[in-house]
């Protein structure tokens, strides 16, 4: 049987070459039609909240910022769990939702809960909801990097406010 296949292939080589070319073209076309992502995102739906509370120790941040934020998020439809991180003057709360929950719906629900939670936070605490991104990106950015970034933003904000106050005092007419 193998001998007959080889004999046919040798005697009709152009037919074999044509069959190989047709198979290659069909294979190349099929490859372009496959819905395959190079790096599939298998992470869950997440909404991240970063809070900067200057001059608070990690324990104070946990008690006065992180805990109230986690309590405010409790009960959101589709919320699976929350996880948090508390550092000097910085709190990061990640709300993880079920895969069936739309990320925009989740962000809207978190945003509504954050507006009511602001009243329970210490004065001067700034809340920032993280961008829409995947957990892959969030895991690559370490918490110390984010903490130093937000601490730098807080210092810049403080300098801008102090400068604006000093300038507004100097612009007043002297009596």
Protein backbone atom coordinates (compact mmCIF):
# COMPACT_ATOMS: atom_id res chain seq x y z
CA UNK A 1 0.00 0.00 0.00
CA UNK A 2 2.78 2.43 0.90
CA UNK A 3 4.55 1.52 -2.33
CA UNK A 4 1.46 2.42 -4.38
CA UNK A 5 1.12 5.80 -2.62
CA UNK A 6 4.77 6.60 -3.28
CA UNK A 7 4.53 5.49 -6.92
CA UNK A 8 1.40 7.65 -7.46
CA UNK A 9 3.12 10.63 -5.79
CA UNK A 10 6.18 10.31 -8.02
CA UNK A 11 4.18 9.85 -11.21
CA UNK A 12 1.80 12.74 -10.45
CA UNK A 13 4.13 15.14 -8.65
CA UNK A 14 2.38 18.28 -9.95
CA UNK A 15 -0.88 17.06 -8.50
CA UNK A 16 0.82 16.53 -5.12
CA UNK A 17 2.41 20.01 -5.26
CA UNK A 18 -0.98 21.53 -6.14
CA UNK A 19 -2.64 19.70 -3.21
CA UNK A 20 0.07 20.98 -0.82
CA UNK A 21 -0.35 24.58 -2.08
CA UNK A 22 -4.16 24.36 -1.73
CA UNK A 23 -3.79 22.94 1.79
CA UNK A 24 -1.35 25.75 2.73
CA UNK A 25 -3.67 28.47 1.38
CA UNK A 26 -6.70 27.01 3.18
CA UNK A 27 -4.63 26.70 6.38
CA UNK A 28 -3.41 30.31 6.16
CA UNK A 29 -6.95 31.57 5.58
CA UNK A 30 -8.24 29.50 8.51
CA UNK A 31 -5.51 30.93 10.74
CA UNK A 32 -6.71 34.47 10.06
CA UNK A 33 -10.28 33.50 11.00
CA UNK A 34 -9.42 32.04 14.43
CA UNK A 35 -10.54 34.19 17.40
CA UNK A 36 -7.34 33.68 19.39
CA UNK A 37 -5.77 36.35 21.59
CA UNK A 38 -2.00 36.28 21.95
CA UNK A 39 -2.23 36.86 25.71
CA UNK A 40 -5.74 35.96 26.84
CA UNK A 41 -6.98 37.91 29.83
CA UNK A 42 -8.23 35.32 32.28
CA UNK A 43 -8.41 37.68 35.23
CA UNK A 44 -11.60 38.64 36.98
CA UNK A 45 -13.47 41.98 36.96
CA UNK A 46 -11.81 44.39 39.37
CA UNK A 47 -12.35 47.93 40.55
CA UNK A 48 -9.51 49.45 42.53
CA UNK A 49 -9.81 52.31 45.01
CA UNK A 50 -6.72 54.17 46.17
CA UNK A 51 -6.95 56.46 49.19
CA UNK A 52 -4.27 58.81 50.42
CA UNK A 53 -4.52 59.86 54.06
CA UNK A 54 -1.38 61.80 54.92
CA UNK A 55 0.21 61.50 58.35
CA UNK A 56 -1.60 58.29 59.31
CA UNK A 57 0.25 55.15 60.39
CA UNK A 58 -0.61 51.82 58.75
CA UNK A 59 -2.78 50.81 61.72
CA UNK A 60 -4.65 54.12 61.64
CA UNK A 61 -5.08 53.81 57.87
CA UNK A 62 -6.49 50.31 58.32
CA UNK A 63 -8.95 51.39 61.04
CA UNK A 64 -9.98 54.81 59.72
CA UNK A 65 -9.78 54.38 55.92
CA UNK A 66 -9.55 50.78 54.71
CA UNK A 67 -12.17 49.26 57.03
CA UNK A 68 -14.85 51.92 56.29
CA UNK A 69 -14.20 51.56 52.56
CA UNK A 70 -14.57 47.78 52.68
CA UNK A 71 -17.79 48.13 54.70
CA UNK A 72 -19.16 50.65 52.21
CA UNK A 73 -18.54 48.24 49.34
CA UNK A 74 -20.21 45.31 51.08
CA UNK A 75 -23.49 44.25 49.51
CA UNK A 76 -22.85 45.48 45.96
CA UNK A 77 -24.58 43.09 43.53
CA UNK A 78 -22.07 40.69 41.99
CA UNK A 79 -19.27 41.49 44.45
CA UNK A 80 -17.33 38.31 45.19
CA UNK A 81 -14.78 39.67 47.67
CA UNK A 82 -12.57 42.62 48.53
CA UNK A 83 -8.89 42.68 49.35
CA UNK A 84 -6.92 45.55 50.74
CA UNK A 85 -3.50 46.91 51.50
CA UNK A 86 -2.66 49.55 54.11
CA UNK A 87 0.62 51.44 54.23
CA UNK A 88 1.80 54.74 55.71
CA UNK A 89 -0.78 57.23 54.52
CA UNK A 90 -2.01 54.95 51.73
CA UNK A 91 -4.86 52.47 51.40
CA UNK A 92 -5.65 50.31 48.40
CA UNK A 93 -8.92 48.39 48.24
CA UNK A 94 -9.64 46.06 45.32
CA UNK A 95 -13.23 44.96 44.77
CA UNK A 96 -13.44 41.73 42.76
CA UNK A 97 -16.68 41.06 40.90
CA UNK A 98 -18.25 38.04 39.25
CA UNK A 99 -17.33 37.59 35.57
CA UNK A 100 -20.95 38.17 34.53
CA UNK A 101 -20.93 41.70 36.00
CA UNK A 102 -20.30 44.52 33.52
CA UNK A 103 -17.22 46.49 34.55
CA UNK A 104 -18.97 49.82 33.96
CA UNK A 105 -21.87 48.76 36.19
CA UNK A 106 -19.38 47.70 38.87
CA UNK A 107 -17.55 51.04 38.66
CA UNK A 108 -20.84 52.94 38.91
CA UNK A 109 -21.86 50.98 42.01
CA UNK A 110 -18.45 51.53 43.62
CA UNK A 111 -18.57 55.24 42.78
CA UNK A 112 -21.98 55.59 44.44
CA UNK A 113 -20.76 53.80 47.55
CA UNK A 114 -17.62 55.95 47.71
CA UNK A 115 -19.63 59.17 47.79
CA UNK A 116 -21.44 57.98 50.91
CA UNK A 117 -18.23 56.59 52.47
CA UNK A 118 -16.38 59.94 52.21
CA UNK A 119 -18.27 61.20 55.26
CA UNK A 120 -16.77 58.45 57.46
CA UNK A 121 -13.17 59.08 56.39
CA UNK A 122 -10.69 61.37 58.16
CA UNK A 123 -10.45 64.95 56.87
CA UNK A 124 -7.95 65.37 54.06
CA UNK A 125 -8.36 61.83 52.74
CA UNK A 126 -8.35 61.76 48.96
CA UNK A 127 -10.06 58.88 47.14
CA UNK A 128 -9.16 57.93 43.58
CA UNK A 129 -10.80 55.11 41.67
CA UNK A 130 -8.27 53.26 39.53
CA UNK A 131 -8.54 53.10 35.75
CA UNK A 132 -10.30 50.33 33.90
CA UNK A 133 -7.59 47.75 33.50
CA UNK A 134 -6.95 44.08 33.97
CA UNK A 135 -5.57 42.31 36.96
CA UNK A 136 -2.47 41.45 34.96
CA UNK A 137 -1.45 45.10 34.86
CA UNK A 138 -2.43 45.71 38.47
CA UNK A 139 -0.27 42.85 39.68
CA UNK A 140 2.74 44.17 37.80
CA UNK A 141 2.52 47.50 39.61
CA UNK A 142 3.61 46.96 43.15
CA UNK A 143 1.92 48.65 46.09
CA UNK A 144 5.10 50.48 47.19
CA UNK A 145 5.36 52.00 43.72
CA UNK A 146 1.74 53.16 43.88
CA UNK A 147 2.21 54.43 47.43
CA UNK A 148 5.22 56.52 46.44
CA UNK A 149 3.36 57.82 43.38
CA UNK A 150 0.37 58.94 45.43
CA UNK A 151 2.61 60.36 48.17
CA UNK A 152 4.34 62.43 45.49
CA UNK A 153 0.97 63.61 44.19
CA UNK A 154 -0.08 64.56 47.71
CA UNK A 155 3.11 66.56 48.23
CA UNK A 156 2.60 68.34 44.91
CA UNK A 157 -1.02 69.07 45.81
CA UNK A 158 0.00 70.39 49.23
CA UNK A 159 2.66 72.65 47.68
CA UNK A 160 0.15 73.97 45.14
CA UNK A 161 -2.44 74.74 47.83
CA UNK A 162 0.12 76.41 50.11
CA UNK A 163 1.45 78.49 47.25
CA UNK A 164 -2.07 79.53 46.22
CA UNK A 165 -2.91 80.57 49.79
CA UNK A 166 0.32 82.54 50.13
CA UNK A 167 -0.29 84.29 46.81
CA UNK A 168 -3.88 85.14 47.73
CA UNK A 169 -2.69 86.67 51.03
CA UNK A 170 -0.06 88.78 49.25
CA UNK A 171 -2.60 90.08 46.71
CA UNK A 172 -4.84 91.60 49.41
CA UNK A 173 -4.45 95.34 49.91
CA UNK A 174 -2.63 96.21 53.11
CA UNK A 175 -4.51 98.41 55.61
